[in-house]
């Protein structure tokens, strides 16, 4: 699988309000020529391809920041519209649904885009939906990338998943990318803003072993509740955590 940063194919500089016209001019529906061309590349190379994200033209002129997953057969396997655009700078309509997809023999993966990672609800629910790996294409041009790396590692630890965060290099972005394992261990990455690439091996087995045995051999958040425990109210979401459906080991 090849994974690229957010909006990798839209070569602008530091985000500003003036770029909305350019984004709208570049936007295409997912059945347009851009995705067809990317699908031809994935088919020709026989790879899984996540080309960062694209400007998707939605119904009635809506503009979405959308990550797509293309299979080795050139099929559009999954698409995800960024739920939390970085406001007020980004002009996108927020998406309204989470995205997980399966690769036979590998496992289940989930998608989130850039600022989505700051909302732990996204990673929590992707893990609850069975994601063993979360892929996070990023276009951070601001000085808060060190904090984002802490958040990426925390998402890996708290959800006991692999978390891959891939940022745009300089001079547009500030770089720094990494894959964290389910105990927060850094598996591979790039430590500066220079253009480059890195290789990493994902392991679903490591995820399930961590959930069974516990982080550092002791902490098992996905096996916390016991039969008869009462539901936990979540007033911010007008919902509950139901112990009867919590276990994800």
C-alpha atoms as a PDB file:
ATOM      1  CA  UNK A   1       0.000   0.000   0.000  1.00  0.00           C
ATOM      2  CA  UNK A   2       1.210   3.493  -0.873  1.00  0.00           C
ATOM      3  CA  UNK A   3      -0.086   6.352   1.284  1.00  0.00           C
ATOM      4  CA  UNK A   4       0.349  10.054   0.526  1.00  0.00           C
ATOM      5  CA  UNK A   5      -0.387  13.219   2.565  1.00  0.00           C
ATOM      6  CA  UNK A   6      -3.638  15.180   2.610  1.00  0.00           C
ATOM      7  CA  UNK A   7      -4.399  17.064  -0.641  1.00  0.00           C
ATOM      8  CA  UNK A   8      -1.126  15.816  -2.087  1.00  0.00           C
ATOM      9  CA  UNK A   9      -2.369  16.409  -5.641  1.00  0.00           C
ATOM     10  CA  UNK A  10      -3.432  19.998  -4.970  1.00  0.00           C
ATOM     11  CA  UNK A  11      -0.190  21.977  -4.999  1.00  0.00           C
ATOM     12  CA  UNK A  12      -0.980  25.166  -3.111  1.00  0.00           C
ATOM     13  CA  UNK A  13       0.933  26.907  -0.341  1.00  0.00           C
ATOM     14  CA  UNK A  14      -0.095  27.835   3.171  1.00  0.00           C
ATOM     15  CA  UNK A  15      -3.907  27.593   3.463  1.00  0.00           C
ATOM     16  CA  UNK A  16      -5.828  30.846   3.183  1.00  0.00           C
ATOM     17  CA  UNK A  17      -9.346  31.923   2.314  1.00  0.00           C
ATOM     18  CA  UNK A  18      -8.324  33.002  -1.192  1.00  0.00           C
ATOM     19  CA  UNK A  19      -7.713  29.427  -2.270  1.00  0.00           C
ATOM     20  CA  UNK A  20     -11.401  28.433  -2.107  1.00  0.00           C
ATOM     21  CA  UNK A  21     -11.915  29.404  -5.743  1.00  0.00           C
ATOM     22  CA  UNK A  22      -8.942  27.269  -6.757  1.00  0.00           C
ATOM     23  CA  UNK A  23     -10.195  24.335  -4.712  1.00  0.00           C
ATOM     24  CA  UNK A  24     -13.632  24.559  -6.302  1.00  0.00           C
ATOM     25  CA  UNK A  25     -12.088  24.801  -9.762  1.00  0.00           C
ATOM     26  CA  UNK A  26     -10.052  21.650  -9.086  1.00  0.00           C
ATOM     27  CA  UNK A  27     -12.896  19.661  -7.498  1.00  0.00           C
ATOM     28  CA  UNK A  28     -14.295  16.609  -9.259  1.00  0.00           C
ATOM     29  CA  UNK A  29     -16.888  13.989  -8.350  1.00  0.00           C
ATOM     30  CA  UNK A  30     -15.511  10.610  -7.369  1.00  0.00           C
ATOM     31  CA  UNK A  31     -16.631   9.192 -10.707  1.00  0.00           C
ATOM     32  CA  UNK A  32     -14.599  11.847 -12.545  1.00  0.00           C
ATOM     33  CA  UNK A  33     -11.330  11.588 -14.504  1.00  0.00           C
ATOM     34  CA  UNK A  34      -9.010  12.170 -11.517  1.00  0.00           C
ATOM     35  CA  UNK A  35     -10.131   9.072  -9.620  1.00  0.00           C
ATOM     36  CA  UNK A  36     -10.285   7.109 -12.867  1.00  0.00           C
ATOM     37  CA  UNK A  37      -6.651   8.026 -13.539  1.00  0.00           C
ATOM     38  CA  UNK A  38      -5.588   7.088 -10.024  1.00  0.00           C
ATOM     39  CA  UNK A  39      -7.479   3.811 -10.335  1.00  0.00           C
ATOM     40  CA  UNK A  40      -5.570   3.069 -13.530  1.00  0.00           C
ATOM     41  CA  UNK A  41      -2.290   3.610 -11.643  1.00  0.00           C
ATOM     42  CA  UNK A  42      -3.268   1.264  -8.799  1.00  0.00           C
ATOM     43  CA  UNK A  43      -4.402  -1.341 -11.322  1.00  0.00           C
ATOM     44  CA  UNK A  44      -1.246  -1.070 -13.436  1.00  0.00           C
ATOM     45  CA  UNK A  45       1.048  -1.329 -10.395  1.00  0.00           C
ATOM     46  CA  UNK A  46      -1.087  -3.916  -8.588  1.00  0.00           C
ATOM     47  CA  UNK A  47      -1.083  -1.924  -5.335  1.00  0.00           C
ATOM     48  CA  UNK A  48      -3.420  -0.504  -2.734  1.00  0.00           C
ATOM     49  CA  UNK A  49      -3.309   3.271  -3.178  1.00  0.00           C
ATOM     50  CA  UNK A  50      -4.377   6.033  -0.774  1.00  0.00           C
ATOM     51  CA  UNK A  51      -3.426   9.232  -2.644  1.00  0.00           C
ATOM     52  CA  UNK A  52      -3.873  11.438   0.425  1.00  0.00           C
ATOM     53  CA  UNK A  53      -7.160  13.229  -0.126  1.00  0.00           C
ATOM     54  CA  UNK A  54      -8.832  14.976  -3.052  1.00  0.00           C
ATOM     55  CA  UNK A  55     -11.234  17.879  -3.531  1.00  0.00           C
ATOM     56  CA  UNK A  56     -14.550  16.169  -4.111  1.00  0.00           C
ATOM     57  CA  UNK A  57     -17.399  18.012  -5.790  1.00  0.00           C
ATOM     58  CA  UNK A  58     -20.519  16.854  -4.014  1.00  0.00           C
ATOM     59  CA  UNK A  59     -24.240  17.414  -4.538  1.00  0.00           C
ATOM     60  CA  UNK A  60     -25.461  20.979  -5.036  1.00  0.00           C
ATOM     61  CA  UNK A  61     -21.962  22.420  -5.176  1.00  0.00           C
ATOM     62  CA  UNK A  62     -20.767  21.067  -1.820  1.00  0.00           C
ATOM     63  CA  UNK A  63     -16.992  20.782  -1.497  1.00  0.00           C
ATOM     64  CA  UNK A  64     -15.559  17.854   0.469  1.00  0.00           C
ATOM     65  CA  UNK A  65     -12.025  16.947   1.513  1.00  0.00           C
ATOM     66  CA  UNK A  66     -12.159  13.244   0.700  1.00  0.00           C
ATOM     67  CA  UNK A  67      -9.711  10.409   1.158  1.00  0.00           C
ATOM     68  CA  UNK A  68     -10.084   7.480  -1.234  1.00  0.00           C
ATOM     69  CA  UNK A  69      -8.836   3.899  -1.183  1.00  0.00           C
ATOM     70  CA  UNK A  70      -8.104   2.206  -4.504  1.00  0.00           C
ATOM     71  CA  UNK A  71      -7.543  -1.541  -4.739  1.00  0.00           C
ATOM     72  CA  UNK A  72      -4.984  -3.438  -6.852  1.00  0.00           C
ATOM     73  CA  UNK A  73      -7.879  -4.107  -9.247  1.00  0.00           C
ATOM     74  CA  UNK A  74      -8.512  -0.382  -9.612  1.00  0.00           C
ATOM     75  CA  UNK A  75     -11.737  -0.451  -7.612  1.00  0.00           C
ATOM     76  CA  UNK A  76     -12.790   2.446  -5.390  1.00  0.00           C
ATOM     77  CA  UNK A  77     -12.916   0.363  -2.213  1.00  0.00           C
ATOM     78  CA  UNK A  78     -13.682   3.172   0.248  1.00  0.00           C
ATOM     79  CA  UNK A  79     -14.018   6.937   0.529  1.00  0.00           C
ATOM     80  CA  UNK A  80     -14.114   9.200   3.575  1.00  0.00           C
ATOM     81  CA  UNK A  81     -15.131  12.851   3.801  1.00  0.00           C
ATOM     82  CA  UNK A  82     -13.252  14.814   6.466  1.00  0.00           C
ATOM     83  CA  UNK A  83     -15.620  15.336   9.399  1.00  0.00           C
ATOM     84  CA  UNK A  84     -13.672  18.144  11.080  1.00  0.00           C
ATOM     85  CA  UNK A  85     -12.361  20.719   8.555  1.00  0.00           C
ATOM     86  CA  UNK A  86      -9.824  23.096  10.081  1.00  0.00           C
ATOM     87  CA  UNK A  87     -12.057  26.132  10.460  1.00  0.00           C
ATOM     88  CA  UNK A  88     -12.185  28.979   9.598  1.00  0.00           C
ATOM     89  CA  UNK A  89      -9.462  28.342   7.014  1.00  0.00           C
ATOM     90  CA  UNK A  90     -10.850  25.304   5.197  1.00  0.00           C
ATOM     91  CA  UNK A  91     -14.021  25.800   3.135  1.00  0.00           C
ATOM     92  CA  UNK A  92     -15.190  22.183   3.144  1.00  0.00           C
ATOM     93  CA  UNK A  93     -18.590  20.832   4.053  1.00  0.00           C
ATOM     94  CA  UNK A  94     -18.065  18.427   6.981  1.00  0.00           C
ATOM     95  CA  UNK A  95     -18.567  14.749   6.302  1.00  0.00           C
ATOM     96  CA  UNK A  96     -21.116  12.858   8.352  1.00  0.00           C
ATOM     97  CA  UNK A  97     -19.967   9.238   8.538  1.00  0.00           C
ATOM     98  CA  UNK A  98     -16.998   7.168   9.638  1.00  0.00           C
ATOM     99  CA  UNK A  99     -15.128   4.851   7.287  1.00  0.00           C
ATOM    100  CA  UNK A 100     -13.585   1.422   7.788  1.00  0.00           C
ATOM    101  CA  UNK A 101     -12.635  -1.060   5.082  1.00  0.00           C
ATOM    102  CA  UNK A 102     -11.243  -4.587   4.945  1.00  0.00           C
ATOM    103  CA  UNK A 103      -8.239  -6.021   3.122  1.00  0.00           C
ATOM    104  CA  UNK A 104      -8.365  -9.800   2.944  1.00  0.00           C
ATOM    105  CA  UNK A 105      -5.506 -11.384   4.825  1.00  0.00           C
ATOM    106  CA  UNK A 106      -4.482  -8.056   6.365  1.00  0.00           C
ATOM    107  CA  UNK A 107      -7.346  -6.789   8.507  1.00  0.00           C
ATOM    108  CA  UNK A 108      -9.627  -3.807   8.934  1.00  0.00           C
ATOM    109  CA  UNK A 109      -8.434  -0.236   8.462  1.00  0.00           C
ATOM    110  CA  UNK A 110     -10.036   3.126   9.217  1.00  0.00           C
ATOM    111  CA  UNK A 111      -9.549   6.589   7.771  1.00  0.00           C
ATOM    112  CA  UNK A 112      -9.360  10.036   9.306  1.00  0.00           C
ATOM    113  CA  UNK A 113      -7.909  13.242   7.870  1.00  0.00           C
ATOM    114  CA  UNK A 114      -5.595  15.707   9.616  1.00  0.00           C
ATOM    115  CA  UNK A 115      -7.613  17.688  12.234  1.00  0.00           C
ATOM    116  CA  UNK A 116      -9.915  14.688  12.764  1.00  0.00           C
ATOM    117  CA  UNK A 117      -7.160  13.212  14.923  1.00  0.00           C
ATOM    118  CA  UNK A 118      -7.678  15.966  17.522  1.00  0.00           C
ATOM    119  CA  UNK A 119     -11.138  14.543  18.257  1.00  0.00           C
ATOM    120  CA  UNK A 120     -10.669  11.288  20.193  1.00  0.00           C
ATOM    121  CA  UNK A 121     -14.236  10.293  19.356  1.00  0.00           C
ATOM    122  CA  UNK A 122     -13.114   9.566  15.782  1.00  0.00           C
ATOM    123  CA  UNK A 123     -10.358   7.137  16.714  1.00  0.00           C
ATOM    124  CA  UNK A 124     -12.455   5.570  19.475  1.00  0.00           C
ATOM    125  CA  UNK A 125     -15.320   4.827  17.113  1.00  0.00           C
ATOM    126  CA  UNK A 126     -13.081   3.585  14.309  1.00  0.00           C
ATOM    127  CA  UNK A 127     -11.542   1.140  16.775  1.00  0.00           C
ATOM    128  CA  UNK A 128     -14.988   0.187  18.045  1.00  0.00           C
ATOM    129  CA  UNK A 129     -15.978  -0.535  14.429  1.00  0.00           C
ATOM    130  CA  UNK A 130     -13.069  -2.968  14.257  1.00  0.00           C
ATOM    131  CA  UNK A 131     -10.236  -0.907  12.774  1.00  0.00           C
ATOM    132  CA  UNK A 132      -6.850  -2.351  13.682  1.00  0.00           C
ATOM    133  CA  UNK A 133      -5.026   0.395  11.801  1.00  0.00           C
ATOM    134  CA  UNK A 134      -6.010   4.066  11.418  1.00  0.00           C
ATOM    135  CA  UNK A 135      -4.565   5.992   8.476  1.00  0.00           C
ATOM    136  CA  UNK A 136      -4.322   9.771   8.909  1.00  0.00           C
ATOM    137  CA  UNK A 137      -3.237  11.803   5.836  1.00  0.00           C
ATOM    138  CA  UNK A 138      -2.189  15.284   7.017  1.00  0.00           C
ATOM    139  CA  UNK A 139      -1.405  18.690   5.581  1.00  0.00           C
ATOM    140  CA  UNK A 140      -0.075  20.599   8.576  1.00  0.00           C
ATOM    141  CA  UNK A 141       1.690  23.837   7.713  1.00  0.00           C
ATOM    142  CA  UNK A 142       1.522  25.276  11.233  1.00  0.00           C
ATOM    143  CA  UNK A 143       3.852  24.976  14.278  1.00  0.00           C
ATOM    144  CA  UNK A 144       1.598  22.536  16.179  1.00  0.00           C
ATOM    145  CA  UNK A 145       2.924  19.387  14.498  1.00  0.00           C
ATOM    146  CA  UNK A 146       4.771  18.316  17.691  1.00  0.00           C
ATOM    147  CA  UNK A 147       1.429  18.329  19.516  1.00  0.00           C
ATOM    148  CA  UNK A 148      -0.153  16.344  16.684  1.00  0.00           C
ATOM    149  CA  UNK A 149       2.504  13.680  17.059  1.00  0.00           C
ATOM    150  CA  UNK A 150       1.664  13.380  20.754  1.00  0.00           C
ATOM    151  CA  UNK A 151      -2.009  13.054  19.778  1.00  0.00           C
ATOM    152  CA  UNK A 152      -1.205  10.407  17.141  1.00  0.00           C
ATOM    153  CA  UNK A 153       0.722   8.355  19.674  1.00  0.00           C
ATOM    154  CA  UNK A 154      -2.028   8.828  22.258  1.00  0.00           C
ATOM    155  CA  UNK A 155      -4.651   7.622  19.770  1.00  0.00           C
ATOM    156  CA  UNK A 156      -2.553   4.508  19.152  1.00  0.00           C
ATOM    157  CA  UNK A 157      -2.193   3.872  22.896  1.00  0.00           C
ATOM    158  CA  UNK A 158      -5.739   4.595  24.039  1.00  0.00           C
ATOM    159  CA  UNK A 159      -7.385   2.643  21.211  1.00  0.00           C
ATOM    160  CA  UNK A 160      -4.667  -0.035  21.036  1.00  0.00           C
ATOM    161  CA  UNK A 161      -4.357   0.313  17.257  1.00  0.00           C
ATOM    162  CA  UNK A 162      -1.691   1.037  14.674  1.00  0.00           C
ATOM    163  CA  UNK A 163      -1.828   4.764  13.863  1.00  0.00           C
ATOM    164  CA  UNK A 164      -0.195   6.078  10.692  1.00  0.00           C
ATOM    165  CA  UNK A 165       0.108   9.856  10.310  1.00  0.00           C
ATOM    166  CA  UNK A 166       1.625  11.162   7.050  1.00  0.00           C
ATOM    167  CA  UNK A 167       2.292  14.895   6.689  1.00  0.00           C
ATOM    168  CA  UNK A 168       3.265  17.150   3.784  1.00  0.00           C
ATOM    169  CA  UNK A 169       6.981  17.940   3.568  1.00  0.00           C
ATOM    170  CA  UNK A 170       8.540  21.368   3.286  1.00  0.00           C
ATOM    171  CA  UNK A 171       8.442  23.968   1.982  1.00  0.00           C
ATOM    172  CA  UNK A 172       4.632  23.764   2.063  1.00  0.00           C
ATOM    173  CA  UNK A 173       4.194  21.601   5.161  1.00  0.00           C
ATOM    174  CA  UNK A 174       6.279  21.114   8.275  1.00  0.00           C
ATOM    175  CA  UNK A 175       6.805  17.401   7.668  1.00  0.00           C
ATOM    176  CA  UNK A 176       7.301  14.775  10.395  1.00  0.00           C
ATOM    177  CA  UNK A 177       5.436  11.491   9.845  1.00  0.00           C
ATOM    178  CA  UNK A 178       5.289   8.213  11.724  1.00  0.00           C
ATOM    179  CA  UNK A 179       3.643   4.877  12.259  1.00  0.00           C
ATOM    180  CA  UNK A 180       2.897   4.116  15.906  1.00  0.00           C
ATOM    181  CA  UNK A 181       2.052   0.626  17.105  1.00  0.00           C
ATOM    182  CA  UNK A 182      -0.729  -0.287  19.544  1.00  0.00           C
ATOM    183  CA  UNK A 183       1.431   0.359  22.603  1.00  0.00           C
ATOM    184  CA  UNK A 184       2.553   3.742  21.287  1.00  0.00           C
ATOM    185  CA  UNK A 185       5.847   2.371  20.014  1.00  0.00           C
ATOM    186  CA  UNK A 186       7.273   4.264  17.058  1.00  0.00           C
ATOM    187  CA  UNK A 187       7.738   1.731  14.272  1.00  0.00           C
ATOM    188  CA  UNK A 188       9.033   3.983  11.503  1.00  0.00           C
ATOM    189  CA  UNK A 189       8.840   7.539  10.243  1.00  0.00           C
ATOM    190  CA  UNK A 190      10.472  10.797   9.129  1.00  0.00           C
ATOM    191  CA  UNK A 191      11.714  13.223  11.784  1.00  0.00           C
ATOM    192  CA  UNK A 192      12.027  16.476   9.830  1.00  0.00           C
ATOM    193  CA  UNK A 193      10.434  18.484   7.020  1.00  0.00           C
ATOM    194  CA  UNK A 194      12.573  17.157   4.177  1.00  0.00           C
ATOM    195  CA  UNK A 195      10.797  15.324   1.353  1.00  0.00           C
ATOM    196  CA  UNK A 196      11.150  11.577   1.675  1.00  0.00           C
ATOM    197  CA  UNK A 197       9.456   8.262   2.152  1.00  0.00           C
ATOM    198  CA  UNK A 198       9.523   5.507   4.718  1.00  0.00           C
ATOM    199  CA  UNK A 199       8.527   1.874   4.885  1.00  0.00           C
ATOM    200  CA  UNK A 200       6.652   0.178   7.701  1.00  0.00           C
ATOM    201  CA  UNK A 201       5.095  -3.237   8.256  1.00  0.00           C
ATOM    202  CA  UNK A 202       1.614  -3.261   9.751  1.00  0.00           C
ATOM    203  CA  UNK A 203       0.678  -6.048  12.135  1.00  0.00           C
ATOM    204  CA  UNK A 204      -2.904  -6.815  13.128  1.00  0.00           C
ATOM    205  CA  UNK A 205      -1.531  -9.635  15.268  1.00  0.00           C
ATOM    206  CA  UNK A 206       0.343  -7.085  17.369  1.00  0.00           C
ATOM    207  CA  UNK A 207      -2.935  -5.183  17.898  1.00  0.00           C
ATOM    208  CA  UNK A 208      -4.853  -8.220  19.105  1.00  0.00           C
ATOM    209  CA  UNK A 209      -1.985  -9.427  21.271  1.00  0.00           C
ATOM    210  CA  UNK A 210      -1.808  -6.016  22.949  1.00  0.00           C
ATOM    211  CA  UNK A 211      -5.547  -6.072  23.601  1.00  0.00           C
ATOM    212  CA  UNK A 212      -5.387  -9.579  25.065  1.00  0.00           C
ATOM    213  CA  UNK A 213      -2.266  -9.132  27.183  1.00  0.00           C
ATOM    214  CA  UNK A 214      -2.580  -5.412  27.918  1.00  0.00           C
ATOM    215  CA  UNK A 215      -0.412  -2.397  27.169  1.00  0.00           C
ATOM    216  CA  UNK A 216       2.899  -2.994  28.960  1.00  0.00           C
ATOM    217  CA  UNK A 217       1.316  -6.301  29.964  1.00  0.00           C
ATOM    218  CA  UNK A 218      -1.181  -4.661  32.323  1.00  0.00           C
ATOM    219  CA  UNK A 219      -3.733  -2.272  30.770  1.00  0.00           C
ATOM    220  CA  UNK A 220      -6.733  -3.672  28.868  1.00  0.00           C
ATOM    221  CA  UNK A 221      -9.294  -0.906  28.144  1.00  0.00           C
ATOM    222  CA  UNK A 222     -11.189  -3.058  25.630  1.00  0.00           C
ATOM    223  CA  UNK A 223     -11.835  -5.695  28.299  1.00  0.00           C
ATOM    224  CA  UNK A 224     -12.811  -3.395  31.146  1.00  0.00           C
ATOM    225  CA  UNK A 225     -16.499  -4.055  31.791  1.00  0.00           C
ATOM    226  CA  UNK A 226     -17.969  -7.071  33.556  1.00  0.00           C
ATOM    227  CA  UNK A 227     -21.410  -8.704  33.199  1.00  0.00           C
ATOM    228  CA  UNK A 228     -24.021  -6.697  35.041  1.00  0.00           C
ATOM    229  CA  UNK A 229     -22.172  -3.364  34.891  1.00  0.00           C
ATOM    230  CA  UNK A 230     -24.517  -0.441  34.299  1.00  0.00           C
ATOM    231  CA  UNK A 231     -24.351   1.640  31.118  1.00  0.00           C
ATOM    232  CA  UNK A 232     -22.295   4.829  31.388  1.00  0.00           C
ATOM    233  CA  UNK A 233     -24.067   8.011  30.332  1.00  0.00           C
ATOM    234  CA  UNK A 234     -22.223  10.238  27.861  1.00  0.00           C
ATOM    235  CA  UNK A 235     -24.092  13.545  28.071  1.00  0.00           C
ATOM    236  CA  UNK A 236     -21.960  15.282  25.459  1.00  0.00           C
ATOM    237  CA  UNK A 237     -23.229  12.766  22.880  1.00  0.00           C
ATOM    238  CA  UNK A 238     -26.705  12.099  24.265  1.00  0.00           C
ATOM    239  CA  UNK A 239     -25.773   8.441  24.403  1.00  0.00           C
ATOM    240  CA  UNK A 240     -24.140   5.732  26.509  1.00  0.00           C
ATOM    241  CA  UNK A 241     -21.325   3.225  26.654  1.00  0.00           C
ATOM    242  CA  UNK A 242     -23.109  -0.118  26.836  1.00  0.00           C
ATOM    243  CA  UNK A 243     -20.977  -2.706  28.664  1.00  0.00           C
ATOM    244  CA  UNK A 244     -22.788  -5.485  26.835  1.00  0.00           C
ATOM    245  CA  UNK A 245     -21.300  -4.407  23.481  1.00  0.00           C
ATOM    246  CA  UNK A 246     -17.970  -2.910  24.535  1.00  0.00           C
ATOM    247  CA  UNK A 247     -15.459  -5.766  24.256  1.00  0.00           C
ATOM    248  CA  UNK A 248     -13.285  -5.501  21.130  1.00  0.00           C
ATOM    249  CA  UNK A 249     -10.558  -8.047  21.880  1.00  0.00           C
END
